[in-house]
Amino acid sequence: MRKQGAEYVVNEEIRRTQLARVSAASEQLVERRLMILKGTLERHFNVKTTGIRPPQFLVYREGDFFRAHADSSTDANAPAVATGRRVSIVIFLNGEDSAADDDSYAGGSLTFYGLMKDARADDRGFPITGETGLLVAFPSRYVHSVTPVTRGTRCTIVSWLEGAAT
């Protein structure tokens, strides 16, 4: 993402997905539910956070993806939104399944990199199979990707717990 005027523009060579428009009531419901989890996530990840970013409802259609990236940055020139992220949250609204049906998708795996303590394995991805209702939380510094969706539509909610830059 790069800033163009007052708005951020998505580089479609890095990320191709769409934001779904939902009602304010739906957005507030998700935000309230995530706030209930805030203390548990802070304790689990041993971080102190100051708040939560409004949830984003993402739709990945066939061919959509997000290349390997981290949600936080220590780069002094990075936007404040990236330097303040402490815990990333992904909620799956539908599941990954090889059976072709209207409610599932194929591909689109949330994949983590650099989890092993061996640099030789940094390029090895560890995919998570999306399941309806699954919530995945992880330190925002972790490198992850979304593999290209090969069938159907992948629907998720993402948000971040924020804190002061470290």
C-alpha atoms as a PDB file:
ATOM      1  CA  MET A   1       0.000   0.000   0.000  1.00  0.00           C
ATOM      2  CA  ARG A   2       1.274   3.456  -0.789  1.00  0.00           C
ATOM      3  CA  LYS A   3      -0.150   6.855  -0.025  1.00  0.00           C
ATOM      4  CA  GLN A   4      -1.569   8.828  -2.931  1.00  0.00           C
ATOM      5  CA  GLY A   5      -2.874  12.158  -1.717  1.00  0.00           C
ATOM      6  CA  ALA A   6      -5.104  11.543   1.302  1.00  0.00           C
ATOM      7  CA  GLU A   7      -5.803   7.906   0.380  1.00  0.00           C
ATOM      8  CA  TYR A   8      -3.854   4.689   0.346  1.00  0.00           C
ATOM      9  CA  VAL A   9      -3.620   2.827  -2.958  1.00  0.00           C
ATOM     10  CA  VAL A  10      -3.221  -0.959  -3.023  1.00  0.00           C
ATOM     11  CA  ASN A  11      -0.476  -2.328  -5.260  1.00  0.00           C
ATOM     12  CA  GLU A  12      -2.220  -5.241  -7.006  1.00  0.00           C
ATOM     13  CA  GLU A  13       1.117  -6.977  -7.630  1.00  0.00           C
ATOM     14  CA  ILE A  14       1.357  -7.388  -3.833  1.00  0.00           C
ATOM     15  CA  ARG A  15      -2.277  -7.654  -2.782  1.00  0.00           C
ATOM     16  CA  ARG A  16      -5.506  -8.256  -4.625  1.00  0.00           C
ATOM     17  CA  THR A  17      -8.642  -8.302  -2.496  1.00  0.00           C
ATOM     18  CA  GLN A  18     -11.734  -6.175  -1.983  1.00  0.00           C
ATOM     19  CA  LEU A  19     -13.223  -4.523   1.078  1.00  0.00           C
ATOM     20  CA  ALA A  20     -16.842  -5.511   1.620  1.00  0.00           C
ATOM     21  CA  ARG A  21     -19.223  -2.821   2.793  1.00  0.00           C
ATOM     22  CA  VAL A  22     -21.175  -3.883   5.860  1.00  0.00           C
ATOM     23  CA  SER A  23     -23.597  -2.060   8.091  1.00  0.00           C
ATOM     24  CA  ALA A  24     -22.281   0.089  10.927  1.00  0.00           C
ATOM     25  CA  ALA A  25     -24.157  -2.220  13.312  1.00  0.00           C
ATOM     26  CA  SER A  26     -22.257  -5.279  11.990  1.00  0.00           C
ATOM     27  CA  GLU A  27     -18.930  -3.483  12.255  1.00  0.00           C
ATOM     28  CA  GLN A  28     -19.703  -2.358  15.828  1.00  0.00           C
ATOM     29  CA  LEU A  29     -20.801  -5.869  16.828  1.00  0.00           C
ATOM     30  CA  VAL A  30     -17.493  -7.342  15.655  1.00  0.00           C
ATOM     31  CA  GLU A  31     -15.515  -4.561  17.337  1.00  0.00           C
ATOM     32  CA  ARG A  32     -17.341  -5.121  20.663  1.00  0.00           C
ATOM     33  CA  ARG A  33     -16.694  -8.865  20.489  1.00  0.00           C
ATOM     34  CA  LEU A  34     -13.013  -8.287  19.764  1.00  0.00           C
ATOM     35  CA  MET A  35     -12.752  -5.843  22.668  1.00  0.00           C
ATOM     36  CA  ILE A  36     -13.982  -8.644  24.942  1.00  0.00           C
ATOM     37  CA  LEU A  37     -10.968 -10.704  23.788  1.00  0.00           C
ATOM     38  CA  LYS A  38      -8.468  -7.823  24.144  1.00  0.00           C
ATOM     39  CA  GLY A  39      -7.294  -8.710  27.678  1.00  0.00           C
ATOM     40  CA  THR A  40      -6.942 -12.398  26.854  1.00  0.00           C
ATOM     41  CA  LEU A  41      -4.877 -11.612  23.754  1.00  0.00           C
ATOM     42  CA  GLU A  42      -2.681  -9.136  25.658  1.00  0.00           C
ATOM     43  CA  ARG A  43      -1.923 -11.760  28.293  1.00  0.00           C
ATOM     44  CA  HIS A  44      -1.339 -14.506  25.733  1.00  0.00           C
ATOM     45  CA  PHE A  45       1.072 -12.417  23.639  1.00  0.00           C
ATOM     46  CA  ASN A  46       2.513 -10.534  26.643  1.00  0.00           C
ATOM     47  CA  VAL A  47       1.802  -7.107  25.140  1.00  0.00           C
ATOM     48  CA  LYS A  48       0.023  -3.988  26.331  1.00  0.00           C
ATOM     49  CA  THR A  49      -2.307  -2.434  23.797  1.00  0.00           C
ATOM     50  CA  THR A  50      -4.214   0.822  23.722  1.00  0.00           C
ATOM     51  CA  GLY A  51      -7.073  -0.072  21.411  1.00  0.00           C
ATOM     52  CA  ILE A  52      -8.315  -1.896  18.393  1.00  0.00           C
ATOM     53  CA  ARG A  53      -8.491  -0.895  14.729  1.00  0.00           C
ATOM     54  CA  PRO A  54     -11.950  -0.970  13.151  1.00  0.00           C
ATOM     55  CA  PRO A  55     -12.477  -4.363  11.530  1.00  0.00           C
ATOM     56  CA  GLN A  56     -12.101  -4.761   7.788  1.00  0.00           C
ATOM     57  CA  PHE A  57     -14.329  -7.227   5.961  1.00  0.00           C
ATOM     58  CA  LEU A  58     -12.280  -8.740   3.122  1.00  0.00           C
ATOM     59  CA  VAL A  59     -13.420 -10.663   0.073  1.00  0.00           C
ATOM     60  CA  TYR A  60     -10.927 -12.704  -1.947  1.00  0.00           C
ATOM     61  CA  ARG A  61     -12.278 -13.966  -5.276  1.00  0.00           C
ATOM     62  CA  GLU A  62     -10.637 -16.459  -7.635  1.00  0.00           C
ATOM     63  CA  GLY A  63      -7.086 -15.307  -8.348  1.00  0.00           C
ATOM     64  CA  ASP A  64      -6.962 -12.896  -5.377  1.00  0.00           C
ATOM     65  CA  PHE A  65      -3.996 -13.138  -2.978  1.00  0.00           C
ATOM     66  CA  PHE A  66      -1.753 -11.231  -0.558  1.00  0.00           C
ATOM     67  CA  ARG A  67       1.998 -11.780  -0.927  1.00  0.00           C
ATOM     68  CA  ALA A  68       4.198 -12.433   2.125  1.00  0.00           C
ATOM     69  CA  HIS A  69       4.263  -9.430   4.461  1.00  0.00           C
ATOM     70  CA  ALA A  70       4.190  -8.381   8.109  1.00  0.00           C
ATOM     71  CA  ASP A  71       1.383  -6.167   9.431  1.00  0.00           C
ATOM     72  CA  SER A  72       3.736  -4.055  11.531  1.00  0.00           C
ATOM     73  CA  SER A  73       6.878  -2.158  10.679  1.00  0.00           C
ATOM     74  CA  THR A  74       9.797  -0.691  12.578  1.00  0.00           C
ATOM     75  CA  ASP A  75      10.649   1.564   9.620  1.00  0.00           C
ATOM     76  CA  ALA A  76      10.659   5.193  10.775  1.00  0.00           C
ATOM     77  CA  ASN A  77       9.033   6.215   7.464  1.00  0.00           C
ATOM     78  CA  ALA A  78       6.183   3.701   7.761  1.00  0.00           C
ATOM     79  CA  PRO A  79       2.696   5.106   8.377  1.00  0.00           C
ATOM     80  CA  ALA A  80       1.613   5.217  12.034  1.00  0.00           C
ATOM     81  CA  VAL A  81      -1.066   2.604  11.311  1.00  0.00           C
ATOM     82  CA  ALA A  82       1.695   0.064  10.583  1.00  0.00           C
ATOM     83  CA  THR A  83       4.088   0.984  13.391  1.00  0.00           C
ATOM     84  CA  GLY A  84       1.395   0.669  16.063  1.00  0.00           C
ATOM     85  CA  ARG A  85       0.075  -2.781  15.249  1.00  0.00           C
ATOM     86  CA  ARG A  86       0.851  -5.355  17.958  1.00  0.00           C
ATOM     87  CA  VAL A  87      -1.551  -8.285  17.426  1.00  0.00           C
ATOM     88  CA  SER A  88      -3.163  -9.201  14.104  1.00  0.00           C
ATOM     89  CA  ILE A  89      -6.545 -10.918  14.033  1.00  0.00           C
ATOM     90  CA  VAL A  90      -8.135 -12.892  11.189  1.00  0.00           C
ATOM     91  CA  ILE A  91     -11.649 -14.345  11.473  1.00  0.00           C
ATOM     92  CA  PHE A  92     -12.804 -16.764   8.786  1.00  0.00           C
ATOM     93  CA  LEU A  93     -16.437 -16.291   7.706  1.00  0.00           C
ATOM     94  CA  ASN A  94     -16.345 -19.359   5.482  1.00  0.00           C
ATOM     95  CA  GLY A  95     -14.121 -22.369   5.157  1.00  0.00           C
ATOM     96  CA  GLU A  96     -11.579 -23.833   2.786  1.00  0.00           C
ATOM     97  CA  ASP A  97     -12.800 -27.112   1.307  1.00  0.00           C
ATOM     98  CA  SER A  98     -11.893 -29.236  -1.701  1.00  0.00           C
ATOM     99  CA  ALA A  99     -15.587 -29.999  -2.313  1.00  0.00           C
ATOM    100  CA  ALA A 100     -17.138 -27.509  -4.684  1.00  0.00           C
ATOM    101  CA  ASP A 101     -20.046 -25.776  -2.972  1.00  0.00           C
ATOM    102  CA  ASP A 102     -21.310 -22.211  -2.684  1.00  0.00           C
ATOM    103  CA  ASP A 103     -20.138 -21.735   0.907  1.00  0.00           C
ATOM    104  CA  SER A 104     -16.481 -22.725   0.605  1.00  0.00           C
ATOM    105  CA  TYR A 105     -13.366 -21.812  -1.325  1.00  0.00           C
ATOM    106  CA  ALA A 106     -10.123 -23.499  -2.381  1.00  0.00           C
ATOM    107  CA  GLY A 107      -6.633 -22.037  -2.140  1.00  0.00           C
ATOM    108  CA  GLY A 108      -6.545 -18.812  -0.137  1.00  0.00           C
ATOM    109  CA  SER A 109      -4.577 -20.356   2.730  1.00  0.00           C
ATOM    110  CA  LEU A 110      -3.296 -18.075   5.480  1.00  0.00           C
ATOM    111  CA  THR A 111       0.370 -19.086   5.449  1.00  0.00           C
ATOM    112  CA  PHE A 112       3.074 -18.192   7.996  1.00  0.00           C
ATOM    113  CA  TYR A 113       6.843 -17.963   7.351  1.00  0.00           C
ATOM    114  CA  GLY A 114       9.926 -17.842   9.561  1.00  0.00           C
ATOM    115  CA  LEU A 115       8.370 -19.756  12.446  1.00  0.00           C
ATOM    116  CA  MET A 116      11.282 -22.149  12.845  1.00  0.00           C
ATOM    117  CA  LYS A 117      14.498 -21.151  14.564  1.00  0.00           C
ATOM    118  CA  ASP A 118      16.474 -22.034  11.441  1.00  0.00           C
ATOM    119  CA  ALA A 119      17.060 -19.473   8.665  1.00  0.00           C
ATOM    120  CA  ARG A 120      17.216 -22.335   6.133  1.00  0.00           C
ATOM    121  CA  ALA A 121      13.464 -22.824   6.678  1.00  0.00           C
ATOM    122  CA  ASP A 122      12.427 -19.146   6.462  1.00  0.00           C
ATOM    123  CA  ASP A 123      10.967 -19.688   2.998  1.00  0.00           C
ATOM    124  CA  ARG A 124       8.897 -22.669   4.178  1.00  0.00           C
ATOM    125  CA  GLY A 125       5.293 -21.714   4.618  1.00  0.00           C
ATOM    126  CA  PHE A 126       2.993 -23.208   7.229  1.00  0.00           C
ATOM    127  CA  PRO A 127      -0.586 -22.928   5.930  1.00  0.00           C
ATOM    128  CA  ILE A 128      -3.700 -22.792   8.070  1.00  0.00           C
ATOM    129  CA  THR A 129      -6.864 -24.271   6.628  1.00  0.00           C
ATOM    130  CA  GLY A 130      -9.665 -21.754   7.051  1.00  0.00           C
ATOM    131  CA  GLU A 131     -12.768 -22.957   8.890  1.00  0.00           C
ATOM    132  CA  THR A 132     -15.986 -21.023   9.382  1.00  0.00           C
ATOM    133  CA  GLY A 133     -15.722 -19.082  12.651  1.00  0.00           C
ATOM    134  CA  LEU A 134     -11.993 -19.755  13.170  1.00  0.00           C
ATOM    135  CA  LEU A 135     -10.177 -16.814  14.790  1.00  0.00           C
ATOM    136  CA  VAL A 136      -6.408 -16.671  14.297  1.00  0.00           C
ATOM    137  CA  ALA A 137      -4.420 -14.099  16.304  1.00  0.00           C
ATOM    138  CA  PHE A 138      -0.672 -13.611  15.962  1.00  0.00           C
ATOM    139  CA  PRO A 139       2.050 -11.019  16.604  1.00  0.00           C
ATOM    140  CA  SER A 140       1.809  -8.413  13.848  1.00  0.00           C
ATOM    141  CA  ARG A 141       5.540  -8.767  13.139  1.00  0.00           C
ATOM    142  CA  TYR A 142       5.037 -12.332  11.838  1.00  0.00           C
ATOM    143  CA  VAL A 143       5.444 -12.701   8.081  1.00  0.00           C
ATOM    144  CA  HIS A 144       2.377 -14.237   6.455  1.00  0.00           C
ATOM    145  CA  SER A 145       0.556 -14.422   3.136  1.00  0.00           C
ATOM    146  CA  VAL A 146      -2.717 -15.471   1.582  1.00  0.00           C
ATOM    147  CA  THR A 147      -2.178 -17.897  -1.279  1.00  0.00           C
ATOM    148  CA  PRO A 148      -4.211 -17.299  -4.439  1.00  0.00           C
ATOM    149  CA  VAL A 149      -7.839 -18.396  -4.228  1.00  0.00           C
ATOM    150  CA  THR A 150      -8.389 -21.095  -6.845  1.00  0.00           C
ATOM    151  CA  ARG A 151     -12.147 -21.595  -6.462  1.00  0.00           C
ATOM    152  CA  GLY A 152     -14.995 -19.743  -4.813  1.00  0.00           C
ATOM    153  CA  THR A 153     -14.860 -16.681  -2.580  1.00  0.00           C
ATOM    154  CA  ARG A 154     -12.869 -16.396   0.683  1.00  0.00           C
ATOM    155  CA  CYS A 155     -14.492 -14.063   3.250  1.00  0.00           C
ATOM    156  CA  THR A 156     -12.652 -12.889   6.355  1.00  0.00           C
ATOM    157  CA  ILE A 157     -12.621 -10.130   8.934  1.00  0.00           C
ATOM    158  CA  VAL A 158      -9.272  -8.623   9.925  1.00  0.00           C
ATOM    159  CA  SER A 159      -8.339  -6.241  12.711  1.00  0.00           C
ATOM    160  CA  TRP A 160      -5.355  -5.293  14.853  1.00  0.00           C
ATOM    161  CA  LEU A 161      -4.725  -4.529  18.498  1.00  0.00           C
ATOM    162  CA  GLU A 162      -2.633  -1.373  18.652  1.00  0.00           C
ATOM    163  CA  GLY A 163      -0.067  -0.023  21.063  1.00  0.00           C
ATOM    164  CA  ALA A 164       2.739   2.490  21.274  1.00  0.00           C
ATOM    165  CA  ALA A 165       5.593   1.893  18.859  1.00  0.00           C
ATOM    166  CA  THR A 166       8.478  -0.021  20.390  1.00  0.00           C
END
